[in-house]
């Protein structure tokens, strides 16, 4: 249900598990002001939640943002 005004490809992350390989394609979305006010959605800083190694690698591709 989210809509982005613009997308930018950030790169790809490969991760190997014991029985398969996974490749994540990472994109940055901008715009979509309705996302902040949509009920039932919660946006958190990745440092505040537990994330898998592959997710952490994908997040590392994102440019640093100043947090308000």
N, C-alpha and C. Protein backbone atom coordinates (compact mmCIF):
# COMPACT_ATOMS: atom_id res chain seq x y z
N UNK A 1 0.78 -1.20 0.00
CA UNK A 1 0.00 0.00 0.00
C UNK A 1 0.83 1.27 0.00
N UNK A 2 2.15 1.16 0.07
CA UNK A 2 2.97 2.37 0.02
C UNK A 2 3.27 2.74 -1.42
N UNK A 3 3.33 4.02 -1.70
CA UNK A 3 3.68 4.49 -3.03
C UNK A 3 4.90 5.37 -2.93
N UNK A 4 5.83 5.19 -3.84
CA UNK A 4 7.06 5.99 -3.85
C UNK A 4 7.01 6.96 -5.02
N UNK A 5 7.54 8.15 -4.81
CA UNK A 5 7.65 9.12 -5.89
C UNK A 5 8.85 8.80 -6.77
N UNK A 6 9.90 8.24 -6.17
CA UNK A 6 11.13 7.93 -6.91
C UNK A 6 11.81 6.71 -6.30
N UNK A 7 12.47 5.93 -7.15
CA UNK A 7 13.26 4.77 -6.71
C UNK A 7 14.68 4.93 -7.22
N UNK A 8 15.64 4.48 -6.40
CA UNK A 8 17.04 4.50 -6.80
C UNK A 8 17.68 3.19 -6.38
N UNK A 9 18.30 2.51 -7.32
CA UNK A 9 18.96 1.23 -7.00
C UNK A 9 20.24 1.49 -6.22
N UNK A 10 20.39 0.77 -5.09
CA UNK A 10 21.57 0.94 -4.25
C UNK A 10 22.59 -0.17 -4.45
N UNK A 11 22.17 -1.33 -4.90
CA UNK A 11 23.09 -2.42 -5.13
C UNK A 11 22.48 -3.76 -4.77
N UNK A 12 23.34 -4.76 -4.65
CA UNK A 12 22.89 -6.11 -4.32
C UNK A 12 23.76 -6.68 -3.22
N UNK A 13 23.19 -7.59 -2.46
CA UNK A 13 23.89 -8.27 -1.37
C UNK A 13 23.68 -9.77 -1.55
N UNK A 14 24.77 -10.51 -1.54
CA UNK A 14 24.68 -11.98 -1.62
C UNK A 14 24.94 -12.54 -0.22
N UNK A 15 24.18 -13.57 0.13
CA UNK A 15 24.34 -14.20 1.44
C UNK A 15 24.17 -15.71 1.27
N UNK A 16 25.05 -16.46 1.87
CA UNK A 16 24.98 -17.92 1.77
C UNK A 16 24.51 -18.51 3.09
N UNK A 17 23.50 -19.34 3.00
CA UNK A 17 23.03 -20.11 4.14
C UNK A 17 23.62 -21.51 3.99
N UNK A 18 23.37 -22.38 4.92
CA UNK A 18 23.95 -23.72 4.84
C UNK A 18 23.41 -24.52 3.65
N UNK A 19 22.18 -24.24 3.22
CA UNK A 19 21.58 -25.05 2.17
C UNK A 19 21.09 -24.25 0.95
N UNK A 20 21.28 -22.93 0.91
CA UNK A 20 20.94 -22.15 -0.27
C UNK A 20 21.61 -20.78 -0.23
N UNK A 21 21.64 -20.13 -1.40
CA UNK A 21 22.17 -18.79 -1.52
C UNK A 21 21.03 -17.82 -1.76
N UNK A 22 21.19 -16.63 -1.22
CA UNK A 22 20.17 -15.61 -1.36
C UNK A 22 20.83 -14.35 -1.92
N UNK A 23 20.15 -13.67 -2.84
CA UNK A 23 20.65 -12.40 -3.33
C UNK A 23 19.54 -11.36 -3.15
N UNK A 24 19.88 -10.30 -2.44
CA UNK A 24 18.92 -9.23 -2.18
C UNK A 24 19.26 -8.04 -3.06
N UNK A 25 18.26 -7.49 -3.73
CA UNK A 25 18.43 -6.28 -4.52
C UNK A 25 17.86 -5.14 -3.71
N UNK A 26 18.68 -4.14 -3.45
CA UNK A 26 18.33 -3.07 -2.51
C UNK A 26 18.01 -1.78 -3.27
N UNK A 27 16.87 -1.21 -2.96
CA UNK A 27 16.41 0.03 -3.59
C UNK A 27 16.08 1.04 -2.50
N UNK A 28 16.27 2.30 -2.82
CA UNK A 28 15.86 3.39 -1.92
C UNK A 28 14.62 4.03 -2.53
N UNK A 29 13.61 4.23 -1.71
CA UNK A 29 12.38 4.88 -2.16
C UNK A 29 12.26 6.23 -1.48
N UNK A 30 11.78 7.22 -2.21
CA UNK A 30 11.54 8.52 -1.59
C UNK A 30 10.13 8.97 -1.93
N UNK A 31 9.64 9.89 -1.14
CA UNK A 31 8.28 10.37 -1.33
C UNK A 31 7.31 9.54 -0.52
N UNK A 32 6.10 9.49 -0.96
CA UNK A 32 5.10 8.68 -0.27
C UNK A 32 4.80 9.21 1.12
N UNK A 33 4.48 10.48 1.22
CA UNK A 33 4.26 11.12 2.52
C UNK A 33 3.18 10.44 3.35
N UNK A 34 2.24 9.75 2.68
CA UNK A 34 1.16 9.09 3.43
C UNK A 34 1.67 7.97 4.32
N UNK A 35 2.87 7.48 4.09
CA UNK A 35 3.40 6.36 4.86
C UNK A 35 3.54 6.70 6.34
N UNK A 36 3.89 7.93 6.64
CA UNK A 36 4.11 8.32 8.03
C UNK A 36 2.82 8.40 8.83
N UNK A 37 1.70 8.56 8.16
CA UNK A 37 0.44 8.71 8.87
C UNK A 37 -0.48 7.50 8.75
N UNK A 38 -0.06 6.50 8.04
CA UNK A 38 -0.90 5.32 7.82
C UNK A 38 -1.00 4.49 9.10
N UNK A 39 -2.18 4.18 9.53
CA UNK A 39 -2.38 3.37 10.74
C UNK A 39 -1.82 1.97 10.57
N UNK A 40 -1.31 1.42 11.65
CA UNK A 40 -0.84 0.05 11.64
C UNK A 40 0.59 -0.11 11.15
N UNK A 41 1.25 0.98 10.81
CA UNK A 41 2.65 0.91 10.36
C UNK A 41 3.54 1.54 11.40
N UNK A 42 4.66 0.89 11.62
CA UNK A 42 5.63 1.43 12.55
C UNK A 42 6.99 1.41 11.87
N UNK A 43 7.67 2.53 11.85
CA UNK A 43 9.00 2.62 11.29
C UNK A 43 9.99 2.75 12.44
N UNK A 44 10.99 1.91 12.45
CA UNK A 44 11.97 1.91 13.53
C UNK A 44 13.37 2.04 12.96
N UNK A 45 14.28 2.50 13.80
CA UNK A 45 15.69 2.54 13.40
C UNK A 45 16.23 1.13 13.49
N UNK A 46 16.94 0.67 12.45
CA UNK A 46 17.46 -0.71 12.45
C UNK A 46 18.33 -1.03 13.66
N UNK A 47 19.02 -0.07 14.21
CA UNK A 47 19.89 -0.32 15.37
C UNK A 47 19.07 -0.71 16.61
N UNK A 48 17.79 -0.45 16.59
CA UNK A 48 16.94 -0.72 17.77
C UNK A 48 16.23 -2.07 17.72
N UNK A 49 16.41 -2.80 16.63
CA UNK A 49 15.76 -4.11 16.51
C UNK A 49 16.77 -5.15 16.04
N UNK A 50 16.48 -6.40 16.32
CA UNK A 50 17.34 -7.49 15.86
C UNK A 50 17.08 -7.75 14.38
N UNK A 51 18.13 -7.81 13.58
CA UNK A 51 17.98 -8.10 12.16
C UNK A 51 18.98 -9.18 11.76
N UNK A 52 18.64 -9.92 10.74
CA UNK A 52 19.51 -10.99 10.23
C UNK A 52 20.74 -10.38 9.55
N UNK A 53 21.78 -11.18 9.42
CA UNK A 53 23.02 -10.72 8.80
C UNK A 53 22.79 -10.19 7.39
N UNK A 54 22.01 -10.90 6.58
CA UNK A 54 21.74 -10.45 5.22
C UNK A 54 21.05 -9.09 5.22
N UNK A 55 20.13 -8.88 6.13
CA UNK A 55 19.43 -7.60 6.24
C UNK A 55 20.39 -6.50 6.66
N UNK A 56 21.26 -6.80 7.60
CA UNK A 56 22.25 -5.82 8.05
C UNK A 56 23.15 -5.39 6.89
N UNK A 57 23.55 -6.35 6.05
CA UNK A 57 24.37 -6.04 4.87
C UNK A 57 23.61 -5.16 3.87
N UNK A 58 22.33 -5.46 3.69
CA UNK A 58 21.51 -4.66 2.79
C UNK A 58 21.36 -3.23 3.32
N UNK A 59 21.14 -3.10 4.62
CA UNK A 59 20.99 -1.78 5.23
C UNK A 59 22.28 -0.97 5.13
N UNK A 60 23.42 -1.65 5.12
CA UNK A 60 24.71 -0.96 5.02
C UNK A 60 24.87 -0.25 3.67
N UNK A 61 24.10 -0.64 2.66
CA UNK A 61 24.15 0.02 1.35
C UNK A 61 23.44 1.37 1.36
N UNK A 62 22.57 1.57 2.31
CA UNK A 62 21.80 2.80 2.37
C UNK A 62 22.69 3.95 2.84
N UNK A 63 22.52 5.12 2.21
CA UNK A 63 23.30 6.27 2.66
C UNK A 63 22.87 6.69 4.06
N UNK A 64 23.81 7.23 4.82
CA UNK A 64 23.51 7.69 6.18
C UNK A 64 22.53 8.86 6.10
N UNK A 65 21.55 8.85 6.96
CA UNK A 65 20.56 9.93 7.00
C UNK A 65 20.61 10.58 8.37
N UNK A 66 20.41 11.88 8.37
CA UNK A 66 20.32 12.60 9.64
C UNK A 66 18.94 12.32 10.23
N UNK A 67 18.93 11.84 11.46
CA UNK A 67 17.66 11.51 12.12
C UNK A 67 17.15 12.73 12.85
N UNK A 68 15.87 13.03 12.64
CA UNK A 68 15.25 14.19 13.30
C UNK A 68 14.91 13.89 14.73
